[in-house]
N, C-alpha and C. Protein backbone atom coordinates (compact mmCIF):
# COMPACT_ATOMS: atom_id res chain seq x y z
N UNK A 1 43.20 99.07 97.34
CA UNK A 1 42.43 99.33 96.15
C UNK A 1 41.43 100.47 96.40
N UNK A 2 40.80 100.42 97.55
CA UNK A 2 39.77 101.44 97.82
C UNK A 2 40.39 102.83 97.84
N UNK A 3 41.50 103.00 98.56
CA UNK A 3 42.12 104.32 98.69
C UNK A 3 42.82 104.76 97.40
N UNK A 4 43.39 103.83 96.68
CA UNK A 4 44.19 104.18 95.50
C UNK A 4 43.41 104.18 94.18
N UNK A 5 42.31 103.47 94.11
CA UNK A 5 41.56 103.38 92.85
C UNK A 5 40.11 103.81 93.03
N UNK A 6 39.38 103.11 93.89
CA UNK A 6 37.94 103.33 93.98
C UNK A 6 37.59 104.76 94.42
N UNK A 7 38.17 105.24 95.51
CA UNK A 7 37.83 106.57 96.02
C UNK A 7 38.27 107.69 95.07
N UNK A 8 39.51 107.68 94.53
CA UNK A 8 39.88 108.74 93.60
C UNK A 8 38.96 108.83 92.37
N UNK A 9 38.40 107.70 91.96
CA UNK A 9 37.50 107.69 90.81
C UNK A 9 36.05 107.95 91.20
N UNK A 10 35.77 108.05 92.49
CA UNK A 10 34.40 108.26 92.95
C UNK A 10 33.55 107.01 92.84
N UNK A 11 34.18 105.85 92.93
CA UNK A 11 33.48 104.57 92.83
C UNK A 11 32.93 104.18 94.20
N UNK A 12 31.82 104.78 94.58
CA UNK A 12 31.27 104.59 95.93
C UNK A 12 30.45 103.32 96.08
N UNK A 13 30.10 102.68 94.98
CA UNK A 13 29.33 101.42 95.03
C UNK A 13 30.18 100.23 94.63
N UNK A 14 31.47 100.28 94.92
CA UNK A 14 32.40 99.21 94.56
C UNK A 14 33.05 98.68 95.82
N UNK A 15 33.11 97.35 95.94
CA UNK A 15 33.66 96.75 97.15
C UNK A 15 34.15 95.33 96.89
N UNK A 16 34.99 94.84 97.78
CA UNK A 16 35.38 93.43 97.79
C UNK A 16 34.56 92.68 98.84
N UNK A 17 33.81 93.39 99.65
CA UNK A 17 33.04 92.83 100.75
C UNK A 17 31.71 92.26 100.24
N UNK A 18 31.58 90.95 100.26
CA UNK A 18 30.42 90.27 99.71
C UNK A 18 29.13 90.72 100.40
N UNK A 19 29.14 90.81 101.73
CA UNK A 19 27.94 91.22 102.47
C UNK A 19 27.53 92.64 102.10
N UNK A 20 28.50 93.55 101.99
CA UNK A 20 28.20 94.93 101.59
C UNK A 20 27.67 94.96 100.16
N UNK A 21 28.22 94.14 99.31
CA UNK A 21 27.78 94.11 97.91
C UNK A 21 26.31 93.74 97.82
N UNK A 22 25.90 92.77 98.59
CA UNK A 22 24.52 92.32 98.52
C UNK A 22 23.54 93.37 99.05
N UNK A 23 24.04 94.29 99.89
CA UNK A 23 23.19 95.36 100.43
C UNK A 23 23.14 96.57 99.49
N UNK A 24 24.10 96.66 98.55
CA UNK A 24 24.23 97.87 97.75
C UNK A 24 23.71 97.76 96.33
N UNK A 25 24.06 98.77 95.56
CA UNK A 25 23.65 98.88 94.17
C UNK A 25 24.74 98.28 93.30
N UNK A 26 24.78 96.97 93.22
CA UNK A 26 25.79 96.28 92.42
C UNK A 26 25.13 95.34 91.44
N UNK A 27 25.86 95.03 90.38
CA UNK A 27 25.37 94.07 89.41
C UNK A 27 25.27 92.70 90.07
N UNK A 28 24.22 91.98 89.78
CA UNK A 28 24.03 90.64 90.34
C UNK A 28 23.82 89.66 89.19
N UNK A 29 24.29 88.43 89.34
CA UNK A 29 24.16 87.46 88.25
C UNK A 29 22.71 87.03 88.03
N UNK A 30 22.41 86.73 86.80
CA UNK A 30 21.09 86.25 86.42
C UNK A 30 21.25 85.03 85.51
N UNK A 31 20.23 84.25 85.43
CA UNK A 31 20.23 83.08 84.57
C UNK A 31 18.81 82.67 84.28
N UNK A 32 18.67 81.60 83.55
CA UNK A 32 17.33 81.10 83.21
C UNK A 32 16.94 80.00 84.18
N UNK A 33 15.68 80.02 84.61
CA UNK A 33 15.17 78.93 85.44
C UNK A 33 14.76 77.77 84.51
N UNK A 34 14.33 76.65 85.07
CA UNK A 34 13.98 75.49 84.22
C UNK A 34 12.89 75.78 83.17
N UNK A 35 12.08 76.82 83.41
CA UNK A 35 11.04 77.17 82.45
C UNK A 35 11.50 78.20 81.42
N UNK A 36 12.77 78.59 81.50
CA UNK A 36 13.31 79.56 80.55
C UNK A 36 13.11 81.01 80.96
N UNK A 37 12.55 81.25 82.14
CA UNK A 37 12.33 82.61 82.63
C UNK A 37 13.64 83.13 83.24
N UNK A 38 14.01 84.38 82.93
CA UNK A 38 15.22 84.97 83.50
C UNK A 38 14.96 85.35 84.95
N UNK A 39 15.82 84.84 85.83
CA UNK A 39 15.71 85.11 87.27
C UNK A 39 17.09 85.43 87.84
N UNK A 40 17.09 86.08 88.99
CA UNK A 40 18.36 86.35 89.68
C UNK A 40 18.94 85.03 90.15
N UNK A 41 20.23 84.84 89.93
CA UNK A 41 20.90 83.59 90.29
C UNK A 41 21.11 83.51 91.80
N UNK A 42 21.20 82.28 92.29
CA UNK A 42 21.49 82.06 93.70
C UNK A 42 22.87 82.62 94.03
N UNK A 43 23.03 83.14 95.22
CA UNK A 43 24.29 83.74 95.63
C UNK A 43 25.08 82.88 96.61
N UNK A 44 24.53 81.77 97.07
CA UNK A 44 25.20 80.97 98.08
C UNK A 44 26.55 80.43 97.60
N UNK A 45 26.72 80.20 96.32
CA UNK A 45 27.99 79.72 95.80
C UNK A 45 29.10 80.73 96.08
N UNK A 46 28.79 82.02 96.00
CA UNK A 46 29.78 83.06 96.25
C UNK A 46 30.28 83.08 97.69
N UNK A 47 29.52 82.53 98.60
CA UNK A 47 29.95 82.50 100.00
C UNK A 47 30.98 81.41 100.25
N UNK A 48 31.05 80.43 99.37
CA UNK A 48 31.95 79.31 99.62
C UNK A 48 33.10 79.19 98.63
N UNK A 49 32.97 79.74 97.44
CA UNK A 49 34.02 79.59 96.43
C UNK A 49 34.43 80.97 95.93
N UNK A 50 35.54 81.47 96.42
CA UNK A 50 35.98 82.82 96.07
C UNK A 50 36.19 83.00 94.56
N UNK A 51 36.79 82.05 93.82
CA UNK A 51 36.99 82.28 92.39
C UNK A 51 35.71 82.47 91.59
N UNK A 52 34.56 82.08 92.12
CA UNK A 52 33.29 82.27 91.41
C UNK A 52 32.83 83.72 91.47
N UNK A 53 33.43 84.50 92.34
CA UNK A 53 33.04 85.90 92.46
C UNK A 53 33.51 86.68 91.22
N UNK A 54 32.79 87.73 90.85
CA UNK A 54 33.13 88.48 89.63
C UNK A 54 34.45 89.23 89.76
N UNK A 55 35.19 89.27 88.68
CA UNK A 55 36.41 90.10 88.58
C UNK A 55 37.34 89.96 89.77
N UNK A 56 37.56 88.75 90.23
CA UNK A 56 38.47 88.55 91.35
C UNK A 56 37.91 88.98 92.68
N UNK A 57 36.62 89.13 92.77
CA UNK A 57 35.99 89.49 94.04
C UNK A 57 35.47 90.91 94.10
N UNK A 58 35.66 91.70 93.06
CA UNK A 58 35.17 93.07 93.06
C UNK A 58 33.70 93.09 92.65
N UNK A 59 32.89 93.72 93.48
CA UNK A 59 31.48 93.93 93.18
C UNK A 59 31.30 95.40 92.90
N UNK A 60 30.59 95.74 91.83
CA UNK A 60 30.46 97.14 91.44
C UNK A 60 29.14 97.38 90.74
N UNK A 61 28.80 98.64 90.57
CA UNK A 61 27.61 99.01 89.81
C UNK A 61 28.03 99.36 88.38
N UNK A 62 27.08 99.43 87.49
CA UNK A 62 27.38 99.81 86.10
C UNK A 62 27.98 101.21 86.05
N UNK A 63 27.44 102.12 86.86
CA UNK A 63 27.96 103.50 86.89
C UNK A 63 29.41 103.54 87.37
N UNK A 64 29.72 102.81 88.44
CA UNK A 64 31.09 102.78 88.93
C UNK A 64 32.02 102.13 87.91
N UNK A 65 31.58 101.06 87.29
CA UNK A 65 32.41 100.40 86.29
C UNK A 65 32.70 101.35 85.13
N UNK A 66 31.73 102.16 84.75
CA UNK A 66 31.96 103.12 83.66
C UNK A 66 33.04 104.14 84.04
N UNK A 67 33.12 104.51 85.31
CA UNK A 67 34.17 105.43 85.77
C UNK A 67 35.54 104.79 85.62
N UNK A 68 35.63 103.51 85.97
CA UNK A 68 36.90 102.79 85.84
C UNK A 68 37.29 102.66 84.36
N UNK A 69 36.33 102.30 83.52
CA UNK A 69 36.60 102.14 82.09
C UNK A 69 37.04 103.47 81.48
N UNK A 70 36.39 104.57 81.86
CA UNK A 70 36.78 105.89 81.36
C UNK A 70 38.22 106.21 81.73
N UNK A 71 38.63 105.88 82.96
CA UNK A 71 40.01 106.11 83.37
C UNK A 71 40.96 105.27 82.54
N UNK A 72 40.62 104.01 82.28
CA UNK A 72 41.47 103.14 81.45
C UNK A 72 41.58 103.71 80.03
N UNK A 73 40.46 104.13 79.45
CA UNK A 73 40.49 104.69 78.10
C UNK A 73 41.28 105.99 78.03
N UNK A 74 41.33 106.72 79.15
CA UNK A 74 42.10 107.97 79.21
C UNK A 74 43.55 107.70 79.64
N UNK A 75 43.96 106.43 79.59
CA UNK A 75 45.33 106.02 79.91
C UNK A 75 45.75 106.45 81.31
N UNK A 76 44.83 106.30 82.26
CA UNK A 76 45.15 106.56 83.66
C UNK A 76 44.75 107.94 84.15
N UNK A 77 44.23 108.79 83.28
CA UNK A 77 43.84 110.14 83.70
C UNK A 77 42.57 110.08 84.53
N UNK A 78 42.58 110.83 85.61
CA UNK A 78 41.40 110.96 86.47
C UNK A 78 40.52 112.08 85.95
N UNK A 79 39.29 112.18 86.47
CA UNK A 79 38.45 113.33 86.09
C UNK A 79 39.18 114.63 86.34
N UNK A 80 38.84 115.68 85.60
CA UNK A 80 39.55 116.96 85.64
C UNK A 80 39.75 117.52 87.04
N UNK A 81 38.81 117.30 87.93
CA UNK A 81 38.91 117.86 89.28
C UNK A 81 39.89 117.08 90.16
N UNK A 82 40.37 115.95 89.68
CA UNK A 82 41.26 115.10 90.47
C UNK A 82 42.72 115.31 90.06
N UNK A 83 43.61 114.50 90.63
CA UNK A 83 45.03 114.54 90.29
C UNK A 83 45.21 114.20 88.80
N UNK A 84 46.34 114.59 88.18
CA UNK A 84 46.52 114.39 86.76
C UNK A 84 46.42 112.93 86.29
N UNK A 85 46.94 112.00 87.06
CA UNK A 85 46.91 110.60 86.65
C UNK A 85 46.78 109.74 87.90
N UNK A 86 46.15 108.58 87.76
CA UNK A 86 45.96 107.69 88.89
C UNK A 86 47.31 107.29 89.48
N UNK A 87 48.31 107.06 88.66
CA UNK A 87 49.63 106.68 89.14
C UNK A 87 50.47 107.84 89.62
N UNK A 88 49.95 109.06 89.52
CA UNK A 88 50.67 110.23 90.01
C UNK A 88 51.56 110.88 88.97
N UNK A 89 51.69 110.31 87.78
CA UNK A 89 52.54 110.89 86.75
C UNK A 89 51.72 111.79 85.84
N UNK A 90 52.32 112.89 85.40
CA UNK A 90 51.62 113.74 84.43
C UNK A 90 51.55 113.04 83.08
N UNK A 91 50.63 113.43 82.21
CA UNK A 91 50.58 112.84 80.87
C UNK A 91 51.90 113.01 80.14
N UNK A 92 52.19 112.15 79.17
CA UNK A 92 53.47 112.17 78.45
C UNK A 92 53.77 113.52 77.83
N UNK A 93 52.80 114.14 77.18
CA UNK A 93 53.03 115.43 76.53
C UNK A 93 53.48 116.48 77.54
N UNK A 94 52.90 116.46 78.71
CA UNK A 94 53.28 117.42 79.75
C UNK A 94 54.68 117.13 80.26
N UNK A 95 55.04 115.85 80.41
CA UNK A 95 56.40 115.50 80.85
C UNK A 95 57.42 115.96 79.82
N UNK A 96 57.13 115.75 78.54
CA UNK A 96 58.07 116.09 77.48
C UNK A 96 58.32 117.59 77.42
N UNK A 97 57.30 118.38 77.69
CA UNK A 97 57.46 119.84 77.61
C UNK A 97 57.91 120.44 78.93
N UNK A 98 57.99 119.60 79.97
CA UNK A 98 58.43 120.09 81.27
C UNK A 98 57.34 120.74 82.08
N UNK A 99 56.11 120.69 81.62
CA UNK A 99 55.01 121.30 82.39
C UNK A 99 54.04 120.21 82.83
N UNK A 100 53.27 120.53 83.84
CA UNK A 100 52.23 119.61 84.32
C UNK A 100 50.88 120.18 83.97
N UNK A 101 49.95 119.30 83.63
CA UNK A 101 48.58 119.76 83.38
C UNK A 101 47.83 119.79 84.67
């Protein structure tokens, strides 16, 4: 995932490593305490139950997530300075005309 998705998109704050996630700039869960005050949620559950981790274990920042969402909305296209598509295929219009963008 890191070599094929995260690095090509420039997602430098995205990881499956729980310890690295806690040291980095990643979204962390929050909830209300008994008095109704919003506080950061305890993380010890994530050390023992893998399914409780976000998105199948991926920890990311809002900025990195926006890069992934932009690629999805562009139907797999990477930023202009990168390869034409994450899967390595040129866009459909370019394939149909025989040229690559």
